[in-house]
Amino acid sequence: MGVKINKIWFADGRIYGQTDDGRTLWQSLLYYKRLLNATEEQRNRYEINTFGIRWEELNEDISFESFEYDNPEPTGISLVFLSHPELNAAAVGRRLGISQSLMAQYINGTKKPSKERECVILNEIATIGRELEQVAV
C-alpha cells in the first residue's frame, strides 16, 4: 500500500497532508473546486478512510495516492483553465479538433500536452480573447 495521510489542513489555496511516515505533502485547491469554495466548517467535516479523504456534504473525495502526483500545482494550460472557469475547455477543444476527454486530462494533469500542442491551445485562447475584444459594448 502507498502513502497514508493521517492529518490534513488548509492554507494558501492548498490542502496539506501529513503522512504516516512524517512527510508533508500538498495539492492546489484549484484541482478541487468544491473544497476551494467551501467554508472552513465544511472543509473540517471530513473522514479519513482506507483509500483517502471524504467530504460527504461536499461530495468530494481525494485519494491518498493523488498527494504524490508529480504536479501538485497546476501549470500551463491546466493553470489557465482552472484559474478561469469561465473558459469552456470543451469548446476550445472543439475549435482545435481536440476531444473533450483529452482536454479534461490536460486540465486535471493526468496527461501533459506537448509544448507545441500547449502553444496551439494557448494561442487559440488568445484568439478567442481578441475576438471578444471586438464585441461592441
N, C-alpha and C. Protein backbone atom coordinates (compact mmCIF):
# COMPACT_ATOMS: atom_id res chain seq x y z
N MET A 1 0.84 -1.19 0.00
CA MET A 1 0.00 0.00 0.00
C MET A 1 0.88 1.25 0.00
N GLY A 2 0.44 2.30 -0.65
CA GLY A 2 1.21 3.54 -0.79
C GLY A 2 1.09 4.42 0.44
N VAL A 3 1.16 5.70 0.19
CA VAL A 3 1.12 6.70 1.24
C VAL A 3 -0.23 6.68 1.96
N LYS A 4 -0.21 7.02 3.25
CA LYS A 4 -1.44 7.20 4.01
C LYS A 4 -1.34 8.54 4.72
N ILE A 5 -2.37 9.36 4.53
CA ILE A 5 -2.45 10.67 5.17
C ILE A 5 -3.18 10.49 6.50
N ASN A 6 -2.62 11.04 7.59
CA ASN A 6 -3.30 10.91 8.88
C ASN A 6 -3.73 12.25 9.47
N LYS A 7 -3.36 13.36 8.80
CA LYS A 7 -3.76 14.69 9.28
C LYS A 7 -3.80 15.61 8.06
N ILE A 8 -4.81 16.47 7.99
CA ILE A 8 -4.88 17.45 6.90
C ILE A 8 -5.12 18.85 7.46
N TRP A 9 -4.76 19.86 6.66
CA TRP A 9 -5.07 21.25 6.97
C TRP A 9 -5.02 22.04 5.66
N PHE A 10 -5.58 23.24 5.72
CA PHE A 10 -5.69 24.10 4.55
C PHE A 10 -4.96 25.41 4.81
N ALA A 11 -4.23 25.88 3.80
CA ALA A 11 -3.56 27.18 3.88
C ALA A 11 -3.13 27.60 2.48
N ASP A 12 -3.21 28.89 2.21
CA ASP A 12 -2.68 29.46 0.97
C ASP A 12 -3.20 28.79 -0.30
N GLY A 13 -4.49 28.44 -0.32
CA GLY A 13 -5.08 27.83 -1.51
C GLY A 13 -4.64 26.40 -1.74
N ARG A 14 -4.18 25.75 -0.69
CA ARG A 14 -3.70 24.37 -0.80
C ARG A 14 -4.30 23.51 0.29
N ILE A 15 -4.33 22.21 0.03
CA ILE A 15 -4.62 21.24 1.08
C ILE A 15 -3.32 20.52 1.38
N TYR A 16 -2.98 20.46 2.64
CA TYR A 16 -1.77 19.80 3.10
C TYR A 16 -2.14 18.51 3.81
N GLY A 17 -1.27 17.54 3.70
CA GLY A 17 -1.47 16.29 4.40
C GLY A 17 -0.18 15.80 5.01
N GLN A 18 -0.28 15.34 6.25
CA GLN A 18 0.87 14.73 6.89
C GLN A 18 0.72 13.23 6.76
N THR A 19 1.77 12.58 6.25
CA THR A 19 1.73 11.15 6.01
C THR A 19 2.07 10.37 7.28
N ASP A 20 1.77 9.09 7.24
CA ASP A 20 2.08 8.25 8.39
C ASP A 20 3.58 8.10 8.62
N ASP A 21 4.40 8.44 7.61
CA ASP A 21 5.86 8.41 7.81
C ASP A 21 6.44 9.80 8.06
N GLY A 22 5.57 10.80 8.35
CA GLY A 22 6.02 12.11 8.78
C GLY A 22 6.24 13.15 7.70
N ARG A 23 6.03 12.80 6.43
CA ARG A 23 6.20 13.78 5.36
C ARG A 23 4.98 14.69 5.27
N THR A 24 5.21 15.90 4.76
CA THR A 24 4.12 16.83 4.48
C THR A 24 3.99 16.96 2.97
N LEU A 25 2.83 16.60 2.45
CA LEU A 25 2.53 16.68 1.02
C LEU A 25 1.40 17.69 0.82
N TRP A 26 1.24 18.18 -0.38
CA TRP A 26 0.19 19.17 -0.62
C TRP A 26 -0.29 19.10 -2.06
N GLN A 27 -1.45 19.71 -2.27
CA GLN A 27 -2.03 19.87 -3.60
C GLN A 27 -2.75 21.22 -3.66
N SER A 28 -2.80 21.78 -4.83
CA SER A 28 -3.54 23.02 -5.03
C SER A 28 -5.04 22.75 -4.95
N LEU A 29 -5.76 23.66 -4.31
CA LEU A 29 -7.22 23.53 -4.27
C LEU A 29 -7.86 23.87 -5.61
N LEU A 30 -7.09 24.40 -6.56
CA LEU A 30 -7.65 24.64 -7.90
C LEU A 30 -8.14 23.33 -8.51
N TYR A 31 -7.55 22.21 -8.12
CA TYR A 31 -8.00 20.90 -8.61
C TYR A 31 -9.32 20.46 -7.96
N TYR A 32 -9.70 21.09 -6.86
CA TYR A 32 -10.87 20.67 -6.08
C TYR A 32 -11.77 21.89 -5.81
N LYS A 33 -12.54 22.26 -6.80
CA LYS A 33 -13.36 23.48 -6.72
C LYS A 33 -14.30 23.46 -5.52
N ARG A 34 -14.86 22.30 -5.21
CA ARG A 34 -15.80 22.25 -4.08
C ARG A 34 -15.09 22.62 -2.77
N LEU A 35 -13.88 22.12 -2.60
CA LEU A 35 -13.12 22.47 -1.40
C LEU A 35 -12.64 23.91 -1.45
N LEU A 36 -12.24 24.37 -2.61
CA LEU A 36 -11.79 25.75 -2.78
C LEU A 36 -12.88 26.72 -2.36
N ASN A 37 -14.12 26.43 -2.72
CA ASN A 37 -15.25 27.32 -2.45
C ASN A 37 -15.98 27.00 -1.14
N ALA A 38 -15.55 25.98 -0.44
CA ALA A 38 -16.22 25.57 0.80
C ALA A 38 -15.85 26.49 1.96
N THR A 39 -16.71 26.52 2.95
CA THR A 39 -16.41 27.26 4.18
C THR A 39 -15.42 26.45 5.00
N GLU A 40 -14.81 27.10 5.97
CA GLU A 40 -13.89 26.40 6.87
C GLU A 40 -14.61 25.26 7.59
N GLU A 41 -15.85 25.52 8.01
CA GLU A 41 -16.63 24.48 8.68
C GLU A 41 -16.85 23.27 7.77
N GLN A 42 -17.20 23.53 6.51
CA GLN A 42 -17.41 22.43 5.56
C GLN A 42 -16.11 21.66 5.33
N ARG A 43 -15.01 22.37 5.20
CA ARG A 43 -13.71 21.70 4.99
C ARG A 43 -13.33 20.82 6.17
N ASN A 44 -13.73 21.24 7.37
CA ASN A 44 -13.37 20.48 8.57
C ASN A 44 -14.25 19.27 8.83
N ARG A 45 -15.31 19.10 8.03
CA ARG A 45 -16.20 17.93 8.19
C ARG A 45 -15.80 16.86 7.16
N TYR A 46 -14.79 16.12 7.48
CA TYR A 46 -14.28 15.08 6.58
C TYR A 46 -14.04 13.80 7.38
N GLU A 47 -13.85 12.74 6.64
CA GLU A 47 -13.45 11.49 7.28
C GLU A 47 -12.31 10.89 6.45
N ILE A 48 -11.38 10.30 7.17
CA ILE A 48 -10.28 9.60 6.51
C ILE A 48 -10.62 8.12 6.53
N ASN A 49 -10.57 7.49 5.34
CA ASN A 49 -10.86 6.07 5.25
C ASN A 49 -9.64 5.33 4.70
N THR A 50 -9.81 4.13 4.26
CA THR A 50 -8.71 3.29 3.79
C THR A 50 -7.97 3.88 2.60
N PHE A 51 -8.70 4.54 1.70
CA PHE A 51 -8.12 4.99 0.44
C PHE A 51 -7.88 6.49 0.34
N GLY A 52 -8.53 7.27 1.20
CA GLY A 52 -8.39 8.71 1.06
C GLY A 52 -9.24 9.49 2.04
N ILE A 53 -9.59 10.67 1.62
CA ILE A 53 -10.33 11.61 2.46
C ILE A 53 -11.66 11.90 1.78
N ARG A 54 -12.74 11.91 2.56
CA ARG A 54 -14.09 12.09 2.03
C ARG A 54 -14.78 13.24 2.75
N TRP A 55 -15.38 14.14 1.94
CA TRP A 55 -16.25 15.21 2.45
C TRP A 55 -17.65 14.87 1.95
N GLU A 56 -18.42 14.23 2.77
CA GLU A 56 -19.76 13.76 2.37
C GLU A 56 -20.63 14.93 1.94
N GLU A 57 -20.68 15.99 2.74
CA GLU A 57 -21.53 17.14 2.46
C GLU A 57 -21.18 17.79 1.11
N LEU A 58 -19.91 17.78 0.75
CA LEU A 58 -19.46 18.41 -0.49
C LEU A 58 -19.40 17.42 -1.65
N ASN A 59 -19.61 16.14 -1.36
CA ASN A 59 -19.48 15.09 -2.37
C ASN A 59 -18.10 15.16 -3.03
N GLU A 60 -17.07 15.22 -2.20
CA GLU A 60 -15.69 15.35 -2.67
C GLU A 60 -14.84 14.26 -2.03
N ASP A 61 -13.96 13.69 -2.84
CA ASP A 61 -13.01 12.68 -2.38
C ASP A 61 -11.63 13.03 -2.91
N ILE A 62 -10.62 12.80 -2.09
CA ILE A 62 -9.23 12.91 -2.52
C ILE A 62 -8.53 11.63 -2.10
N SER A 63 -7.92 10.98 -3.06
CA SER A 63 -7.20 9.75 -2.74
C SER A 63 -5.84 10.10 -2.12
N PHE A 64 -5.35 9.21 -1.28
CA PHE A 64 -4.01 9.40 -0.72
C PHE A 64 -2.98 9.46 -1.85
N GLU A 65 -3.18 8.59 -2.83
CA GLU A 65 -2.26 8.49 -3.97
C GLU A 65 -2.07 9.83 -4.68
N SER A 66 -3.14 10.63 -4.77
CA SER A 66 -3.06 11.89 -5.50
C SER A 66 -2.11 12.89 -4.85
N PHE A 67 -1.83 12.73 -3.57
CA PHE A 67 -0.89 13.62 -2.91
C PHE A 67 0.54 13.41 -3.40
N GLU A 68 0.79 12.30 -4.08
CA GLU A 68 2.14 12.03 -4.58
C GLU A 68 2.27 12.25 -6.08
N TYR A 69 1.25 12.81 -6.71
CA TYR A 69 1.34 13.12 -8.14
C TYR A 69 2.48 14.12 -8.38
N ASP A 70 3.01 14.12 -9.58
CA ASP A 70 4.12 14.98 -9.94
C ASP A 70 3.73 16.46 -10.02
N ASN A 71 2.45 16.75 -10.13
CA ASN A 71 2.03 18.14 -10.37
C ASN A 71 1.05 18.63 -9.30
N PRO A 72 1.54 18.89 -8.08
CA PRO A 72 0.61 19.37 -7.04
C PRO A 72 0.07 20.76 -7.32
N GLU A 73 0.76 21.52 -8.15
CA GLU A 73 0.32 22.87 -8.52
C GLU A 73 0.11 22.89 -10.03
N PRO A 74 -1.08 23.30 -10.49
CA PRO A 74 -1.30 23.34 -11.94
C PRO A 74 -0.38 24.36 -12.62
N THR A 75 0.03 24.01 -13.82
CA THR A 75 0.86 24.90 -14.64
C THR A 75 0.31 24.90 -16.06
N GLY A 76 0.84 25.78 -16.89
CA GLY A 76 0.47 25.80 -18.31
C GLY A 76 -1.02 25.93 -18.53
N ILE A 77 -1.54 25.12 -19.47
CA ILE A 77 -2.97 25.25 -19.79
C ILE A 77 -3.83 24.79 -18.63
N SER A 78 -3.32 23.88 -17.81
CA SER A 78 -4.07 23.46 -16.63
C SER A 78 -4.34 24.66 -15.73
N LEU A 79 -3.33 25.46 -15.47
CA LEU A 79 -3.49 26.65 -14.63
C LEU A 79 -4.44 27.65 -15.27
N VAL A 80 -4.33 27.84 -16.58
CA VAL A 80 -5.20 28.79 -17.28
C VAL A 80 -6.67 28.40 -17.10
N PHE A 81 -7.00 27.14 -17.41
CA PHE A 81 -8.40 26.72 -17.34
C PHE A 81 -8.91 26.62 -15.90
N LEU A 82 -8.08 26.15 -14.97
CA LEU A 82 -8.54 26.05 -13.58
C LEU A 82 -8.68 27.41 -12.92
N SER A 83 -7.88 28.38 -13.35
CA SER A 83 -7.97 29.74 -12.79
C SER A 83 -9.08 30.55 -13.43
N HIS A 84 -9.54 30.12 -14.60
CA HIS A 84 -10.58 30.84 -15.33
C HIS A 84 -11.70 29.88 -15.72
N PRO A 85 -12.56 29.54 -14.76
CA PRO A 85 -13.63 28.59 -15.05
C PRO A 85 -14.63 29.10 -16.08
N GLU A 86 -14.56 30.41 -16.39
CA GLU A 86 -15.45 30.94 -17.42
C GLU A 86 -15.04 30.46 -18.81
N LEU A 87 -13.82 29.96 -18.95
CA LEU A 87 -13.38 29.37 -20.22
C LEU A 87 -13.95 27.97 -20.35
N ASN A 88 -14.54 27.67 -21.47
CA ASN A 88 -15.12 26.36 -21.71
C ASN A 88 -14.09 25.51 -22.45
N ALA A 89 -13.43 24.63 -21.70
CA ALA A 89 -12.36 23.82 -22.28
C ALA A 89 -12.85 22.94 -23.41
N ALA A 90 -14.05 22.38 -23.27
CA ALA A 90 -14.59 21.51 -24.32
C ALA A 90 -14.79 22.30 -25.61
N ALA A 91 -15.27 23.53 -25.50
CA ALA A 91 -15.49 24.36 -26.69
C ALA A 91 -14.16 24.76 -27.32
N VAL A 92 -13.17 25.08 -26.52
CA VAL A 92 -11.85 25.39 -27.06
C VAL A 92 -11.30 24.16 -27.77
N GLY A 93 -11.45 23.00 -27.15
CA GLY A 93 -11.01 21.76 -27.77
C GLY A 93 -11.69 21.50 -29.10
N ARG A 94 -13.00 21.74 -29.16
CA ARG A 94 -13.74 21.55 -30.42
C ARG A 94 -13.19 22.45 -31.52
N ARG A 95 -12.88 23.69 -31.18
CA ARG A 95 -12.32 24.61 -32.18
C ARG A 95 -11.01 24.08 -32.75
N LEU A 96 -10.30 23.30 -31.95
CA LEU A 96 -8.99 22.79 -32.36
C LEU A 96 -9.01 21.32 -32.79
N GLY A 97 -10.18 20.69 -32.71
CA GLY A 97 -10.27 19.27 -33.05
C GLY A 97 -9.68 18.36 -31.99
N ILE A 98 -9.68 18.80 -30.74
CA ILE A 98 -9.19 18.00 -29.62
C ILE A 98 -10.40 17.51 -28.84
N SER A 99 -10.44 16.23 -28.54
CA SER A 99 -11.59 15.65 -27.85
C SER A 99 -11.76 16.24 -26.45
N GLN A 100 -13.00 16.24 -25.99
CA GLN A 100 -13.32 16.76 -24.67
C GLN A 100 -12.59 15.97 -23.59
N SER A 101 -12.51 14.64 -23.75
CA SER A 101 -11.85 13.84 -22.72
C SER A 101 -10.35 14.14 -22.65
N LEU A 102 -9.72 14.36 -23.79
CA LEU A 102 -8.29 14.69 -23.78
C LEU A 102 -8.06 16.07 -23.16
N MET A 103 -8.92 17.03 -23.49
CA MET A 103 -8.80 18.35 -22.87
C MET A 103 -8.94 18.25 -21.35
N ALA A 104 -9.88 17.43 -20.89
CA ALA A 104 -10.08 17.25 -19.46
C ALA A 104 -8.82 16.66 -18.81
N GLN A 105 -8.18 15.73 -19.49
CA GLN A 105 -6.96 15.13 -18.96
C GLN A 105 -5.82 16.15 -18.91
N TYR A 106 -5.75 17.02 -19.89
CA TYR A 106 -4.74 18.09 -19.85
C TYR A 106 -4.99 19.01 -18.66
N ILE A 107 -6.24 19.33 -18.43
CA ILE A 107 -6.58 20.28 -17.37
C ILE A 107 -6.36 19.69 -15.99
N ASN A 108 -6.77 18.43 -15.79
CA ASN A 108 -6.60 17.85 -14.46
C ASN A 108 -5.21 17.27 -14.23
N GLY A 109 -4.35 17.36 -15.24
CA GLY A 109 -2.95 16.98 -15.07
C GLY A 109 -2.63 15.51 -15.25
N THR A 110 -3.61 14.70 -15.66
CA THR A 110 -3.32 13.28 -15.86
C THR A 110 -2.58 13.04 -17.17
N LYS A 111 -2.67 13.98 -18.10
CA LYS A 111 -1.86 13.95 -19.33
C LYS A 111 -1.30 15.34 -19.53
N LYS A 112 -0.12 15.39 -20.14
CA LYS A 112 0.53 16.67 -20.41
C LYS A 112 0.66 16.83 -21.91
N PRO A 113 0.17 17.96 -22.44
CA PRO A 113 0.31 18.18 -23.89
C PRO A 113 1.77 18.46 -24.24
N SER A 114 2.13 18.18 -25.47
CA SER A 114 3.47 18.56 -25.94
C SER A 114 3.56 20.08 -25.89
N LYS A 115 4.78 20.60 -25.92
CA LYS A 115 4.97 22.05 -25.93
C LYS A 115 4.27 22.67 -27.13
N GLU A 116 4.34 21.98 -28.27
CA GLU A 116 3.70 22.50 -29.49
C GLU A 116 2.19 22.57 -29.32
N ARG A 117 1.60 21.49 -28.78
CA ARG A 117 0.14 21.48 -28.59
C ARG A 117 -0.27 22.51 -27.55
N GLU A 118 0.51 22.64 -26.50
CA GLU A 118 0.18 23.63 -25.48
C GLU A 118 0.19 25.03 -26.11
N CYS A 119 1.16 25.31 -26.98
CA CYS A 119 1.21 26.62 -27.67
C CYS A 119 -0.02 26.82 -28.53
N VAL A 120 -0.44 25.78 -29.24
CA VAL A 120 -1.63 25.88 -30.09
C VAL A 120 -2.85 26.21 -29.24
N ILE A 121 -3.00 25.54 -28.10
CA ILE A 121 -4.16 25.78 -27.23
C ILE A 121 -4.10 27.20 -26.66
N LEU A 122 -2.95 27.62 -26.16
CA LEU A 122 -2.83 28.97 -25.61
C LEU A 122 -3.05 30.04 -26.68
N ASN A 123 -2.57 29.79 -27.89
CA ASN A 123 -2.81 30.73 -28.99
C ASN A 123 -4.29 30.82 -29.33
N GLU A 124 -4.99 29.69 -29.26
CA GLU A 124 -6.44 29.70 -29.53
C GLU A 124 -7.18 30.50 -28.46
N ILE A 125 -6.76 30.37 -27.22
CA ILE A 125 -7.37 31.16 -26.14
C ILE A 125 -7.11 32.65 -26.39
N ALA A 126 -5.91 32.99 -26.82
CA ALA A 126 -5.60 34.39 -27.15
C ALA A 126 -6.46 34.88 -28.32
N THR A 127 -6.67 34.01 -29.31
CA THR A 127 -7.53 34.36 -30.44
C THR A 127 -8.96 34.64 -29.96
N ILE A 128 -9.45 33.79 -29.08
CA ILE A 128 -10.79 34.00 -28.52
C ILE A 128 -10.84 35.33 -27.78
N GLY A 129 -9.78 35.64 -27.03
CA GLY A 129 -9.71 36.93 -26.33
C GLY A 129 -9.78 38.10 -27.28
N ARG A 130 -9.05 38.00 -28.39
CA ARG A 130 -9.08 39.09 -29.38
C ARG A 130 -10.47 39.20 -30.01
N GLU A 131 -11.12 38.08 -30.28
CA GLU A 131 -12.48 38.10 -30.82
C GLU A 131 -13.43 38.76 -29.83
N LEU A 132 -13.26 38.49 -28.56
CA LEU A 132 -14.14 39.08 -27.55
C LEU A 132 -13.89 40.58 -27.41
N GLU A 133 -12.65 41.00 -27.63
CA GLU A 133 -12.35 42.44 -27.58
C GLU A 133 -13.08 43.21 -28.67
N GLN A 134 -13.45 42.53 -29.73
CA GLN A 134 -14.13 43.19 -30.85
C GLN A 134 -15.63 43.35 -30.61
N VAL A 135 -16.13 42.75 -29.52
CA VAL A 135 -17.55 42.87 -29.21
C VAL A 135 -17.85 44.31 -28.80
N ALA A 136 -18.81 44.90 -29.47
CA ALA A 136 -19.18 46.29 -29.17
C ALA A 136 -20.01 46.32 -27.90
N VAL A 137 -19.73 47.31 -27.08
CA VAL A 137 -20.46 47.48 -25.82
C VAL A 137 -21.50 48.55 -25.98
